[in-house]
């Protein structure tokens, strides 16, 4: 497969074009367009954090999109969509909250599943 180089500027241009079209159609105003338009973007990058508790110390891969062409759009979508999700019982902020919740749970017999290992 041939590597055609860094697509960052192409993605920036596509976003600029889409935002211009939205503004021209009256879907967004100039302030919003300006706020969401990527400038001097960098490609997303991957780095690894060691899992020191595991044998061989494998890496947990993290992708950072900060400064990428889509970062401002993603941030705005998060702002818009976050209130729609609310605080669901199925979501937790961190492992400490998870442990606290699970310790407070009471299991009924009908909630339990049994298996027999032979």
PDB file of N, CA and C in Angstrom:
ATOM      1  N   UNK A   1       0.837  -1.168   0.000  1.00  0.00           N
ATOM      2  CA  UNK A   1       0.000   0.000   0.000  1.00  0.00           C
ATOM      3  C   UNK A   1       0.891   1.244   0.000  1.00  0.00           C
ATOM      4  N   UNK A   2       0.611   2.168  -0.866  1.00  0.00           N
ATOM      5  CA  UNK A   2       1.414   3.378  -1.009  1.00  0.00           C
ATOM      6  C   UNK A   2       0.975   4.420   0.018  1.00  0.00           C
ATOM      7  N   UNK A   3       1.946   5.035   0.672  1.00  0.00           N
ATOM      8  CA  UNK A   3       1.671   6.098   1.632  1.00  0.00           C
ATOM      9  C   UNK A   3       1.633   7.424   0.880  1.00  0.00           C
ATOM     10  N   UNK A   4       0.479   8.071   0.909  1.00  0.00           N
ATOM     11  CA  UNK A   4       0.334   9.319   0.156  1.00  0.00           C
ATOM     12  C   UNK A   4       0.687  10.543   0.989  1.00  0.00           C
ATOM     13  N   UNK A   5       1.259  10.346   2.158  1.00  0.00           N
ATOM     14  CA  UNK A   5       1.673  11.474   2.984  1.00  0.00           C
ATOM     15  C   UNK A   5       0.664  11.825   4.047  1.00  0.00           C
ATOM     16  N   UNK A   6       0.882  12.925   4.689  1.00  0.00           N
ATOM     17  CA  UNK A   6       0.048  13.392   5.792  1.00  0.00           C
ATOM     18  C   UNK A   6      -1.246  14.013   5.255  1.00  0.00           C
ATOM     19  N   UNK A   7      -2.408  13.449   5.600  1.00  0.00           N
ATOM     20  CA  UNK A   7      -3.683  13.959   5.092  1.00  0.00           C
ATOM     21  C   UNK A   7      -4.258  15.125   5.907  1.00  0.00           C
ATOM     22  N   UNK A   8      -3.511  15.635   6.872  1.00  0.00           N
ATOM     23  CA  UNK A   8      -4.040  16.658   7.780  1.00  0.00           C
ATOM     24  C   UNK A   8      -4.597  17.866   7.042  1.00  0.00           C
ATOM     25  N   UNK A   9      -3.870  18.401   6.093  1.00  0.00           N
ATOM     26  CA  UNK A   9      -4.342  19.597   5.389  1.00  0.00           C
ATOM     27  C   UNK A   9      -5.581  19.288   4.538  1.00  0.00           C
ATOM     28  N   UNK A  10      -5.652  18.080   3.978  1.00  0.00           N
ATOM     29  CA  UNK A  10      -6.836  17.695   3.200  1.00  0.00           C
ATOM     30  C   UNK A  10      -8.072  17.638   4.097  1.00  0.00           C
ATOM     31  N   UNK A  11      -7.907  17.085   5.285  1.00  0.00           N
ATOM     32  CA  UNK A  11      -9.023  17.003   6.227  1.00  0.00           C
ATOM     33  C   UNK A  11      -9.437  18.410   6.659  1.00  0.00           C
ATOM     34  N   UNK A  12      -8.455  19.263   6.949  1.00  0.00           N
ATOM     35  CA  UNK A  12      -8.749  20.662   7.296  1.00  0.00           C
ATOM     36  C   UNK A  12      -9.581  21.327   6.203  1.00  0.00           C
ATOM     37  N   UNK A  13      -9.164  21.150   4.958  1.00  0.00           N
ATOM     38  CA  UNK A  13      -9.875  21.768   3.838  1.00  0.00           C
ATOM     39  C   UNK A  13     -11.305  21.253   3.704  1.00  0.00           C
ATOM     40  N   UNK A  14     -11.506  19.950   3.908  1.00  0.00           N
ATOM     41  CA  UNK A  14     -12.857  19.382   3.837  1.00  0.00           C
ATOM     42  C   UNK A  14     -13.744  19.973   4.934  1.00  0.00           C
ATOM     43  N   UNK A  15     -13.185  20.124   6.114  1.00  0.00           N
ATOM     44  CA  UNK A  15     -13.956  20.696   7.228  1.00  0.00           C
ATOM     45  C   UNK A  15     -14.281  22.153   6.935  1.00  0.00           C
ATOM     46  N   UNK A  16     -13.300  22.898   6.455  1.00  0.00           N
ATOM     47  CA  UNK A  16     -13.541  24.311   6.109  1.00  0.00           C
ATOM     48  C   UNK A  16     -14.671  24.432   5.080  1.00  0.00           C
ATOM     49  N   UNK A  17     -14.623  23.576   4.061  1.00  0.00           N
ATOM     50  CA  UNK A  17     -15.638  23.606   3.003  1.00  0.00           C
ATOM     51  C   UNK A  17     -17.017  23.278   3.568  1.00  0.00           C
ATOM     52  N   UNK A  18     -17.094  22.257   4.407  1.00  0.00           N
ATOM     53  CA  UNK A  18     -18.374  21.863   4.999  1.00  0.00           C
ATOM     54  C   UNK A  18     -18.927  22.968   5.900  1.00  0.00           C
ATOM     55  N   UNK A  19     -18.049  23.611   6.684  1.00  0.00           N
ATOM     56  CA  UNK A  19     -18.499  24.690   7.555  1.00  0.00           C
ATOM     57  C   UNK A  19     -18.979  25.895   6.747  1.00  0.00           C
ATOM     58  N   UNK A  20     -18.304  26.165   5.641  1.00  0.00           N
ATOM     59  CA  UNK A  20     -18.723  27.276   4.769  1.00  0.00           C
ATOM     60  C   UNK A  20     -20.103  26.998   4.194  1.00  0.00           C
ATOM     61  N   UNK A  21     -20.316  25.754   3.750  1.00  0.00           N
ATOM     62  CA  UNK A  21     -21.624  25.376   3.201  1.00  0.00           C
ATOM     63  C   UNK A  21     -22.720  25.513   4.265  1.00  0.00           C
ATOM     64  N   UNK A  22     -22.433  25.101   5.481  1.00  0.00           N
ATOM     65  CA  UNK A  22     -23.405  25.227   6.561  1.00  0.00           C
ATOM     66  C   UNK A  22     -23.729  26.693   6.853  1.00  0.00           C
ATOM     67  N   UNK A  23     -22.699  27.523   6.815  1.00  0.00           N
ATOM     68  CA  UNK A  23     -22.920  28.957   7.036  1.00  0.00           C
ATOM     69  C   UNK A  23     -23.729  29.561   5.893  1.00  0.00           C
ATOM     70  N   UNK A  24     -23.391  29.210   4.657  1.00  0.00           N
ATOM     71  CA  UNK A  24     -24.106  29.732   3.489  1.00  0.00           C
ATOM     72  C   UNK A  24     -25.582  29.315   3.483  1.00  0.00           C
ATOM     73  N   UNK A  25     -25.879  28.147   4.053  1.00  0.00           N
ATOM     74  CA  UNK A  25     -27.263  27.664   4.115  1.00  0.00           C
ATOM     75  C   UNK A  25     -27.992  28.189   5.355  1.00  0.00           C
ATOM     76  N   UNK A  26     -27.292  28.959   6.181  1.00  0.00           N
ATOM     77  CA  UNK A  26     -27.908  29.521   7.376  1.00  0.00           C
ATOM     78  C   UNK A  26     -28.011  28.553   8.544  1.00  0.00           C
ATOM     79  N   UNK A  27     -27.298  27.437   8.481  1.00  0.00           N
ATOM     80  CA  UNK A  27     -27.344  26.438   9.560  1.00  0.00           C
ATOM     81  C   UNK A  27     -26.484  26.841  10.755  1.00  0.00           C
ATOM     82  N   UNK A  28     -25.396  27.569  10.481  1.00  0.00           N
ATOM     83  CA  UNK A  28     -24.537  28.081  11.552  1.00  0.00           C
ATOM     84  C   UNK A  28     -24.205  29.537  11.243  1.00  0.00           C
ATOM     85  N   UNK A  29     -23.824  30.288  12.273  1.00  0.00           N
ATOM     86  CA  UNK A  29     -23.454  31.689  12.056  1.00  0.00           C
ATOM     87  C   UNK A  29     -21.931  31.805  11.896  1.00  0.00           C
ATOM     88  N   UNK A  30     -21.469  33.012  11.608  1.00  0.00           N
ATOM     89  CA  UNK A  30     -20.038  33.243  11.390  1.00  0.00           C
ATOM     90  C   UNK A  30     -19.205  32.936  12.635  1.00  0.00           C
ATOM     91  N   UNK A  31     -19.756  33.236  13.796  1.00  0.00           N
ATOM     92  CA  UNK A  31     -19.022  32.983  15.048  1.00  0.00           C
ATOM     93  C   UNK A  31     -18.777  31.487  15.228  1.00  0.00           C
ATOM     94  N   UNK A  32     -19.818  30.693  14.993  1.00  0.00           N
ATOM     95  CA  UNK A  32     -19.688  29.240  15.125  1.00  0.00           C
ATOM     96  C   UNK A  32     -18.727  28.694  14.084  1.00  0.00           C
ATOM     97  N   UNK A  33     -18.848  29.180  12.870  1.00  0.00           N
ATOM     98  CA  UNK A  33     -17.938  28.732  11.813  1.00  0.00           C
ATOM     99  C   UNK A  33     -16.497  29.025  12.201  1.00  0.00           C
ATOM    100  N   UNK A  34     -16.251  30.223  12.673  1.00  0.00           N
ATOM    101  CA  UNK A  34     -14.897  30.608  13.070  1.00  0.00           C
ATOM    102  C   UNK A  34     -14.395  29.741  14.227  1.00  0.00           C
ATOM    103  N   UNK A  35     -15.271  29.492  15.177  1.00  0.00           N
ATOM    104  CA  UNK A  35     -14.912  28.699  16.360  1.00  0.00           C
ATOM    105  C   UNK A  35     -14.539  27.260  15.988  1.00  0.00           C
ATOM    106  N   UNK A  36     -15.206  26.698  14.980  1.00  0.00           N
ATOM    107  CA  UNK A  36     -15.007  25.295  14.611  1.00  0.00           C
ATOM    108  C   UNK A  36     -13.979  25.078  13.511  1.00  0.00           C
ATOM    109  N   UNK A  37     -13.561  26.146  12.852  1.00  0.00           N
ATOM    110  CA  UNK A  37     -12.616  26.014  11.746  1.00  0.00           C
ATOM    111  C   UNK A  37     -11.226  25.643  12.257  1.00  0.00           C
ATOM    112  N   UNK A  38     -10.682  24.531  11.784  1.00  0.00           N
ATOM    113  CA  UNK A  38      -9.340  24.134  12.222  1.00  0.00           C
ATOM    114  C   UNK A  38      -8.264  25.019  11.593  1.00  0.00           C
ATOM    115  N   UNK A  39      -7.249  25.340  12.374  1.00  0.00           N
ATOM    116  CA  UNK A  39      -6.117  26.129  11.875  1.00  0.00           C
ATOM    117  C   UNK A  39      -4.826  25.535  12.416  1.00  0.00           C
ATOM    118  N   UNK A  40      -3.847  25.427  11.561  1.00  0.00           N
ATOM    119  CA  UNK A  40      -2.522  24.934  11.936  1.00  0.00           C
ATOM    120  C   UNK A  40      -2.616  23.593  12.679  1.00  0.00           C
ATOM    121  N   UNK A  41      -3.432  22.697  12.156  1.00  0.00           N
ATOM    122  CA  UNK A  41      -3.658  21.405  12.803  1.00  0.00           C
ATOM    123  C   UNK A  41      -2.433  20.507  12.712  1.00  0.00           C
ATOM    124  N   UNK A  42      -2.391  19.586  13.639  1.00  0.00           N
ATOM    125  CA  UNK A  42      -1.370  18.545  13.636  1.00  0.00           C
ATOM    126  C   UNK A  42      -2.082  17.198  13.556  1.00  0.00           C
ATOM    127  N   UNK A  43      -1.434  16.196  13.009  1.00  0.00           N
ATOM    128  CA  UNK A  43      -2.091  14.889  12.961  1.00  0.00           C
ATOM    129  C   UNK A  43      -2.230  14.310  14.369  1.00  0.00           C
ATOM    130  N   UNK A  44      -3.267  13.505  14.592  1.00  0.00           N
ATOM    131  CA  UNK A  44      -3.365  12.821  15.884  1.00  0.00           C
ATOM    132  C   UNK A  44      -2.148  11.920  16.059  1.00  0.00           C
ATOM    133  N   UNK A  45      -1.806  11.638  17.306  1.00  0.00           N
ATOM    134  CA  UNK A  45      -0.655  10.764  17.529  1.00  0.00           C
ATOM    135  C   UNK A  45      -0.974   9.733  18.599  1.00  0.00           C
ATOM    136  N   UNK A  46      -0.234   8.650  18.555  1.00  0.00           N
ATOM    137  CA  UNK A  46      -0.433   7.555  19.498  1.00  0.00           C
ATOM    138  C   UNK A  46       0.794   7.469  20.392  1.00  0.00           C
ATOM    139  N   UNK A  47       0.522   7.267  21.681  1.00  0.00           N
ATOM    140  CA  UNK A  47       1.604   7.015  22.620  1.00  0.00           C
ATOM    141  C   UNK A  47       1.163   5.899  23.549  1.00  0.00           C
ATOM    142  N   UNK A  48       2.081   5.338  24.286  1.00  0.00           N
ATOM    143  CA  UNK A  48       1.750   4.212  25.146  1.00  0.00           C
ATOM    144  C   UNK A  48       2.059   4.463  26.600  1.00  0.00           C
ATOM    145  N   UNK A  49       1.179   3.997  27.464  1.00  0.00           N
ATOM    146  CA  UNK A  49       1.413   4.026  28.902  1.00  0.00           C
ATOM    147  C   UNK A  49       1.643   2.585  29.350  1.00  0.00           C
ATOM    148  N   UNK A  50       2.708   2.338  30.092  1.00  0.00           N
ATOM    149  CA  UNK A  50       3.004   0.962  30.496  1.00  0.00           C
ATOM    150  C   UNK A  50       1.982   0.432  31.502  1.00  0.00           C
ATOM    151  N   UNK A  51       1.586  -0.814  31.300  1.00  0.00           N
ATOM    152  CA  UNK A  51       0.715  -1.505  32.253  1.00  0.00           C
ATOM    153  C   UNK A  51       1.643  -2.247  33.221  1.00  0.00           C
ATOM    154  N   UNK A  52       2.092  -1.535  34.246  1.00  0.00           N
ATOM    155  CA  UNK A  52       3.127  -2.090  35.130  1.00  0.00           C
ATOM    156  C   UNK A  52       2.630  -3.265  35.968  1.00  0.00           C
ATOM    157  N   UNK A  53       1.325  -3.434  36.079  1.00  0.00           N
ATOM    158  CA  UNK A  53       0.758  -4.533  36.847  1.00  0.00           C
ATOM    159  C   UNK A  53       0.688  -5.833  36.051  1.00  0.00           C
ATOM    160  N   UNK A  54       0.994  -5.771  34.752  1.00  0.00           N
ATOM    161  CA  UNK A  54       0.929  -6.971  33.918  1.00  0.00           C
ATOM    162  C   UNK A  54       2.323  -7.474  33.578  1.00  0.00           C
ATOM    163  N   UNK A  55       2.418  -8.774  33.417  1.00  0.00           N
ATOM    164  CA  UNK A  55       3.693  -9.392  33.087  1.00  0.00           C
ATOM    165  C   UNK A  55       4.181  -8.918  31.719  1.00  0.00           C
ATOM    166  N   UNK A  56       5.427  -8.583  31.622  1.00  0.00           N
ATOM    167  CA  UNK A  56       6.005  -8.112  30.369  1.00  0.00           C
ATOM    168  C   UNK A  56       5.791  -6.623  30.136  1.00  0.00           C
ATOM    169  N   UNK A  57       5.068  -5.978  31.013  1.00  0.00           N
ATOM    170  CA  UNK A  57       4.778  -4.543  30.948  1.00  0.00           C
ATOM    171  C   UNK A  57       4.355  -4.093  29.546  1.00  0.00           C
ATOM    172  N   UNK A  58       3.224  -4.618  29.063  1.00  0.00           N
ATOM    173  CA  UNK A  58       2.727  -4.162  27.755  1.00  0.00           C
ATOM    174  C   UNK A  58       2.272  -2.707  27.834  1.00  0.00           C
ATOM    175  N   UNK A  59       2.085  -2.108  26.679  1.00  0.00           N
ATOM    176  CA  UNK A  59       1.645  -0.715  26.648  1.00  0.00           C
ATOM    177  C   UNK A  59       0.148  -0.611  26.404  1.00  0.00           C
ATOM    178  N   UNK A  60      -0.484   0.334  27.072  1.00  0.00           N
ATOM    179  CA  UNK A  60      -1.876   0.703  26.783  1.00  0.00           C
ATOM    180  C   UNK A  60      -1.782   1.865  25.806  1.00  0.00           C
ATOM    181  N   UNK A  61      -2.256   1.660  24.589  1.00  0.00           N
ATOM    182  CA  UNK A  61      -2.154   2.693  23.565  1.00  0.00           C
ATOM    183  C   UNK A  61      -3.208   3.769  23.767  1.00  0.00           C
ATOM    184  N   UNK A  62      -2.779   5.006  23.672  1.00  0.00           N
ATOM    185  CA  UNK A  62      -3.641   6.169  23.811  1.00  0.00           C
ATOM    186  C   UNK A  62      -3.502   6.992  22.533  1.00  0.00           C
ATOM    187  N   UNK A  63      -4.641   7.398  21.952  1.00  0.00           N
ATOM    188  CA  UNK A  63      -4.580   8.272  20.790  1.00  0.00           C
ATOM    189  C   UNK A  63      -4.986   9.672  21.213  1.00  0.00           C
ATOM    190  N   UNK A  64      -4.109  10.620  20.997  1.00  0.00           N
ATOM    191  CA  UNK A  64      -4.409  12.004  21.314  1.00  0.00           C
ATOM    192  C   UNK A  64      -4.786  12.742  20.037  1.00  0.00           C
ATOM    193  N   UNK A  65      -5.992  13.322  20.053  1.00  0.00           N
ATOM    194  CA  UNK A  65      -6.470  14.079  18.891  1.00  0.00           C
ATOM    195  C   UNK A  65      -6.419  15.583  19.159  1.00  0.00           C
ATOM    196  N   UNK A  66      -5.858  15.977  20.284  1.00  0.00           N
ATOM    197  CA  UNK A  66      -5.770  17.406  20.605  1.00  0.00           C
ATOM    198  C   UNK A  66      -4.952  18.094  19.519  1.00  0.00           C
ATOM    199  N   UNK A  67      -5.516  19.143  18.963  1.00  0.00           N
ATOM    200  CA  UNK A  67      -4.840  19.883  17.903  1.00  0.00           C
ATOM    201  C   UNK A  67      -5.056  19.318  16.506  1.00  0.00           C
ATOM    202  N   UNK A  68      -5.789  18.197  16.412  1.00  0.00           N
ATOM    203  CA  UNK A  68      -6.039  17.611  15.097  1.00  0.00           C
ATOM    204  C   UNK A  68      -7.157  18.379  14.389  1.00  0.00           C
ATOM    205  N   UNK A  69      -7.328  18.174  13.089  1.00  0.00           N
ATOM    206  CA  UNK A  69      -8.352  18.914  12.351  1.00  0.00           C
ATOM    207  C   UNK A  69      -9.771  18.716  12.890  1.00  0.00           C
ATOM    208  N   UNK A  70     -10.063  17.552  13.436  1.00  0.00           N
ATOM    209  CA  UNK A  70     -11.423  17.260  13.907  1.00  0.00           C
ATOM    210  C   UNK A  70     -11.637  17.573  15.391  1.00  0.00           C
ATOM    211  N   UNK A  71     -10.612  18.024  16.086  1.00  0.00           N
ATOM    212  CA  UNK A  71     -10.694  18.227  17.539  1.00  0.00           C
ATOM    213  C   UNK A  71     -11.793  19.217  17.932  1.00  0.00           C
ATOM    214  N   UNK A  72     -11.856  20.370  17.282  1.00  0.00           N
ATOM    215  CA  UNK A  72     -12.847  21.383  17.645  1.00  0.00           C
ATOM    216  C   UNK A  72     -14.269  20.891  17.376  1.00  0.00           C
ATOM    217  N   UNK A  73     -14.459  20.161  16.282  1.00  0.00           N
ATOM    218  CA  UNK A  73     -15.780  19.598  15.980  1.00  0.00           C
ATOM    219  C   UNK A  73     -16.180  18.571  17.036  1.00  0.00           C
ATOM    220  N   UNK A  74     -15.252  17.707  17.395  1.00  0.00           N
ATOM    221  CA  UNK A  74     -15.539  16.680  18.394  1.00  0.00           C
ATOM    222  C   UNK A  74     -15.875  17.311  19.742  1.00  0.00           C
ATOM    223  N   UNK A  75     -15.144  18.336  20.096  1.00  0.00           N
ATOM    224  CA  UNK A  75     -15.385  19.026  21.362  1.00  0.00           C
ATOM    225  C   UNK A  75     -16.778  19.662  21.372  1.00  0.00           C
ATOM    226  N   UNK A  76     -17.173  20.273  20.258  1.00  0.00           N
ATOM    227  CA  UNK A  76     -18.491  20.893  20.157  1.00  0.00           C
ATOM    228  C   UNK A  76     -19.597  19.842  20.181  1.00  0.00           C
ATOM    229  N   UNK A  77     -19.394  18.732  19.485  1.00  0.00           N
ATOM    230  CA  UNK A  77     -20.393  17.659  19.509  1.00  0.00           C
ATOM    231  C   UNK A  77     -20.547  17.089  20.915  1.00  0.00           C
ATOM    232  N   UNK A  78     -19.459  16.954  21.638  1.00  0.00           N
ATOM    233  CA  UNK A  78     -19.519  16.480  23.019  1.00  0.00           C
ATOM    234  C   UNK A  78     -20.340  17.438  23.869  1.00  0.00           C
ATOM    235  N   UNK A  79     -20.124  18.729  23.680  1.00  0.00           N
ATOM    236  CA  UNK A  79     -20.873  19.739  24.435  1.00  0.00           C
ATOM    237  C   UNK A  79     -22.370  19.627  24.144  1.00  0.00           C
ATOM    238  N   UNK A  80     -22.722  19.395  22.873  1.00  0.00           N
ATOM    239  CA  UNK A  80     -24.125  19.313  22.478  1.00  0.00           C
ATOM    240  C   UNK A  80     -24.769  18.010  22.953  1.00  0.00           C
ATOM    241  N   UNK A  81     -24.055  16.897  22.817  1.00  0.00           N
ATOM    242  CA  UNK A  81     -24.630  15.587  23.101  1.00  0.00           C
ATOM    243  C   UNK A  81     -24.574  15.170  24.567  1.00  0.00           C
ATOM    244  N   UNK A  82     -23.650  15.708  25.336  1.00  0.00           N
ATOM    245  CA  UNK A  82     -23.481  15.286  26.732  1.00  0.00           C
ATOM    246  C   UNK A  82     -24.765  15.382  27.550  1.00  0.00           C
ATOM    247  N   UNK A  83     -25.515  16.480  27.462  1.00  0.00           N
ATOM    248  CA  UNK A  83     -26.742  16.555  28.269  1.00  0.00           C
ATOM    249  C   UNK A  83     -27.787  15.500  27.882  1.00  0.00           C
ATOM    250  N   UNK A  84     -27.721  14.999  26.670  1.00  0.00           N
ATOM    251  CA  UNK A  84     -28.688  14.002  26.237  1.00  0.00           C
ATOM    252  C   UNK A  84     -28.442  12.649  26.891  1.00  0.00           C
ATOM    253  N   UNK A  85     -27.191  12.400  27.277  1.00  0.00           N
ATOM    254  CA  UNK A  85     -26.850  11.126  27.903  1.00  0.00           C
ATOM    255  C   UNK A  85     -27.221  11.080  29.364  1.00  0.00           C
ATOM    256  N   UNK A  86     -27.153  12.223  30.041  1.00  0.00           N
ATOM    257  CA  UNK A  86     -27.477  12.257  31.459  1.00  0.00           C
ATOM    258  C   UNK A  86     -26.525  11.399  32.260  1.00  0.00           C
ATOM    259  N   UNK A  87     -26.836  11.227  33.515  1.00  0.00           N
ATOM    260  CA  UNK A  87     -26.028  10.364  34.383  1.00  0.00           C
ATOM    261  C   UNK A  87     -26.738   9.029  34.496  1.00  0.00           C
ATOM    262  N   UNK A  88     -26.355   8.116  33.669  1.00  0.00           N
ATOM    263  CA  UNK A  88     -26.976   6.803  33.639  1.00  0.00           C
ATOM    264  C   UNK A  88     -26.374   5.932  34.746  1.00  0.00           C
ATOM    265  N   UNK A  89     -27.153   4.981  35.223  1.00  0.00           N
ATOM    266  CA  UNK A  89     -26.625   4.058  36.216  1.00  0.00           C
ATOM    267  C   UNK A  89     -25.515   3.198  35.644  1.00  0.00           C
ATOM    268  N   UNK A  90     -25.509   3.045  34.328  1.00  0.00           N
ATOM    269  CA  UNK A  90     -24.512   2.177  33.706  1.00  0.00           C
ATOM    270  C   UNK A  90     -23.178   2.872  33.471  1.00  0.00           C
ATOM    271  N   UNK A  91     -23.094   4.161  33.782  1.00  0.00           N
ATOM    272  CA  UNK A  91     -21.827   4.849  33.580  1.00  0.00           C
ATOM    273  C   UNK A  91     -21.216   5.235  34.924  1.00  0.00           C
ATOM    274  N   UNK A  92     -19.903   5.151  34.991  1.00  0.00           N
ATOM    275  CA  UNK A  92     -19.171   5.539  36.195  1.00  0.00           C
ATOM    276  C   UNK A  92     -18.028   6.460  35.800  1.00  0.00           C
ATOM    277  N   UNK A  93     -17.646   7.341  36.714  1.00  0.00           N
ATOM    278  CA  UNK A  93     -16.560   8.288  36.425  1.00  0.00           C
ATOM    279  C   UNK A  93     -15.189   7.638  36.471  1.00  0.00           C
ATOM    280  N   UNK A  94     -15.006   6.743  37.428  1.00  0.00           N
ATOM    281  CA  UNK A  94     -13.688   6.127  37.587  1.00  0.00           C
ATOM    282  C   UNK A  94     -13.846   4.808  38.346  1.00  0.00           C
ATOM    283  N   UNK A  95     -12.740   4.111  38.563  1.00  0.00           N
ATOM    284  CA  UNK A  95     -12.805   2.795  39.207  1.00  0.00           C
ATOM    285  C   UNK A  95     -13.226   2.902  40.668  1.00  0.00           C
ATOM    286  N   UNK A  96     -12.877   3.990  41.345  1.00  0.00           N
ATOM    287  CA  UNK A  96     -13.278   4.150  42.747  1.00  0.00           C
ATOM    288  C   UNK A  96     -14.801   4.237  42.859  1.00  0.00           C
ATOM    289  N   UNK A  97     -15.423   4.977  41.950  1.00  0.00           N
ATOM    290  CA  UNK A  97     -16.882   5.076  41.949  1.00  0.00           C
ATOM    291  C   UNK A  97     -17.505   3.715  41.641  1.00  0.00           C
ATOM    292  N   UNK A  98     -16.902   2.970  40.724  1.00  0.00           N
ATOM    293  CA  UNK A  98     -17.390   1.637  40.382  1.00  0.00           C
ATOM    294  C   UNK A  98     -17.362   0.725  41.606  1.00  0.00           C
ATOM    295  N   UNK A  99     -16.241   0.720  42.328  1.00  0.00           N
ATOM    296  CA  UNK A  99     -16.109  -0.121  43.520  1.00  0.00           C
ATOM    297  C   UNK A  99     -17.150   0.280  44.565  1.00  0.00           C
ATOM    298  N   UNK A 100     -17.336   1.576  44.763  1.00  0.00           N
ATOM    299  CA  UNK A 100     -18.325   2.061  45.731  1.00  0.00           C
ATOM    300  C   UNK A 100     -19.727   1.575  45.362  1.00  0.00           C
ATOM    301  N   UNK A 101     -20.075   1.689  44.082  1.00  0.00           N
ATOM    302  CA  UNK A 101     -21.413   1.264  43.637  1.00  0.00           C
ATOM    303  C   UNK A 101     -21.615  -0.234  43.775  1.00  0.00           C
ATOM    304  N   UNK A 102     -20.606  -0.994  43.404  1.00  0.00           N
ATOM    305  CA  UNK A 102     -20.769  -2.450  43.416  1.00  0.00           C
ATOM    306  C   UNK A 102     -20.847  -2.977  44.844  1.00  0.00           C
ATOM    307  N   UNK A 103     -20.181  -2.313  45.778  1.00  0.00           N
ATOM    308  CA  UNK A 103     -20.267  -2.717  47.187  1.00  0.00           C
ATOM    309  C   UNK A 103     -21.652  -2.436  47.771  1.00  0.00           C
ATOM    310  N   UNK A 104     -22.348  -1.471  47.214  1.00  0.00           N
ATOM    311  CA  UNK A 104     -23.680  -1.117  47.708  1.00  0.00           C
ATOM    312  C   UNK A 104     -24.785  -1.969  47.084  1.00  0.00           C
ATOM    313  N   UNK A 105     -24.448  -2.756  46.086  1.00  0.00           N
ATOM    314  CA  UNK A 105     -25.452  -3.570  45.399  1.00  0.00           C
ATOM    315  C   UNK A 105     -25.871  -4.765  46.246  1.00  0.00           C
ATOM    316  N   UNK A 106     -27.131  -5.104  46.142  1.00  0.00           N
ATOM    317  CA  UNK A 106     -27.645  -6.308  46.769  1.00  0.00           C
ATOM    318  C   UNK A 106     -28.164  -7.220  45.662  1.00  0.00           C
ATOM    319  N   UNK A 107     -27.625  -8.421  45.632  1.00  0.00           N
ATOM    320  CA  UNK A 107     -28.050  -9.378  44.614  1.00  0.00           C
ATOM    321  C   UNK A 107     -29.180 -10.236  45.147  1.00  0.00           C
ATOM    322  N   UNK A 108     -30.222 -10.372  44.339  1.00  0.00           N
ATOM    323  CA  UNK A 108     -31.314 -11.280  44.661  1.00  0.00           C
ATOM    324  C   UNK A 108     -30.982 -12.639  44.058  1.00  0.00           C
ATOM    325  N   UNK A 109     -31.589 -13.652  44.568  1.00  0.00           N
ATOM    326  CA  UNK A 109     -31.331 -15.005  44.057  1.00  0.00           C
ATOM    327  C   UNK A 109     -31.605 -15.081  42.560  1.00  0.00           C
ATOM    328  N   UNK A 110     -32.686 -14.422  42.119  1.00  0.00           N
ATOM    329  CA  UNK A 110     -33.025 -14.486  40.687  1.00  0.00           C
ATOM    330  C   UNK A 110     -32.041 -13.713  39.805  1.00  0.00           C
ATOM    331  N   UNK A 111     -31.199 -12.865  40.418  1.00  0.00           N
ATOM    332  CA  UNK A 111     -30.179 -12.142  39.658  1.00  0.00           C
ATOM    333  C   UNK A 111     -28.921 -12.979  39.438  1.00  0.00           C
ATOM    334  N   UNK A 112     -28.785 -14.050  40.208  1.00  0.00           N
ATOM    335  CA  UNK A 112     -27.559 -14.851  40.158  1.00  0.00           C
ATOM    336  C   UNK A 112     -27.646 -15.929  39.100  1.00  0.00           C
ATOM    337  N   UNK A 113     -26.516 -16.225  38.511  1.00  0.00           N
ATOM    338  CA  UNK A 113     -26.415 -17.327  37.557  1.00  0.00           C
ATOM    339  C   UNK A 113     -25.416 -18.319  38.133  1.00  0.00           C
ATOM    340  N   UNK A 114     -25.777 -19.564  38.018  1.00  0.00           N
ATOM    341  CA  UNK A 114     -24.940 -20.605  38.572  1.00  0.00           C
ATOM    342  C   UNK A 114     -24.352 -21.440  37.447  1.00  0.00           C
ATOM    343  N   UNK A 115     -23.149 -21.881  37.675  1.00  0.00           N
ATOM    344  CA  UNK A 115     -22.552 -22.821  36.735  1.00  0.00           C
ATOM    345  C   UNK A 115     -21.763 -23.852  37.517  1.00  0.00           C
ATOM    346  N   UNK A 116     -21.714 -25.017  36.989  1.00  0.00           N
ATOM    347  CA  UNK A 116     -20.982 -26.098  37.636  1.00  0.00           C
ATOM    348  C   UNK A 116     -19.816 -26.464  36.735  1.00  0.00           C
ATOM    349  N   UNK A 117     -18.630 -26.404  37.306  1.00  0.00           N
ATOM    350  CA  UNK A 117     -17.433 -26.788  36.551  1.00  0.00           C
ATOM    351  C   UNK A 117     -17.124 -28.234  36.842  1.00  0.00           C
ATOM    352  N   UNK A 118     -16.862 -29.006  35.807  1.00  0.00           N
ATOM    353  CA  UNK A 118     -16.547 -30.422  36.000  1.00  0.00           C
ATOM    354  C   UNK A 118     -15.102 -30.669  35.724  1.00  0.00           C
TER     355      UNK A 118
END
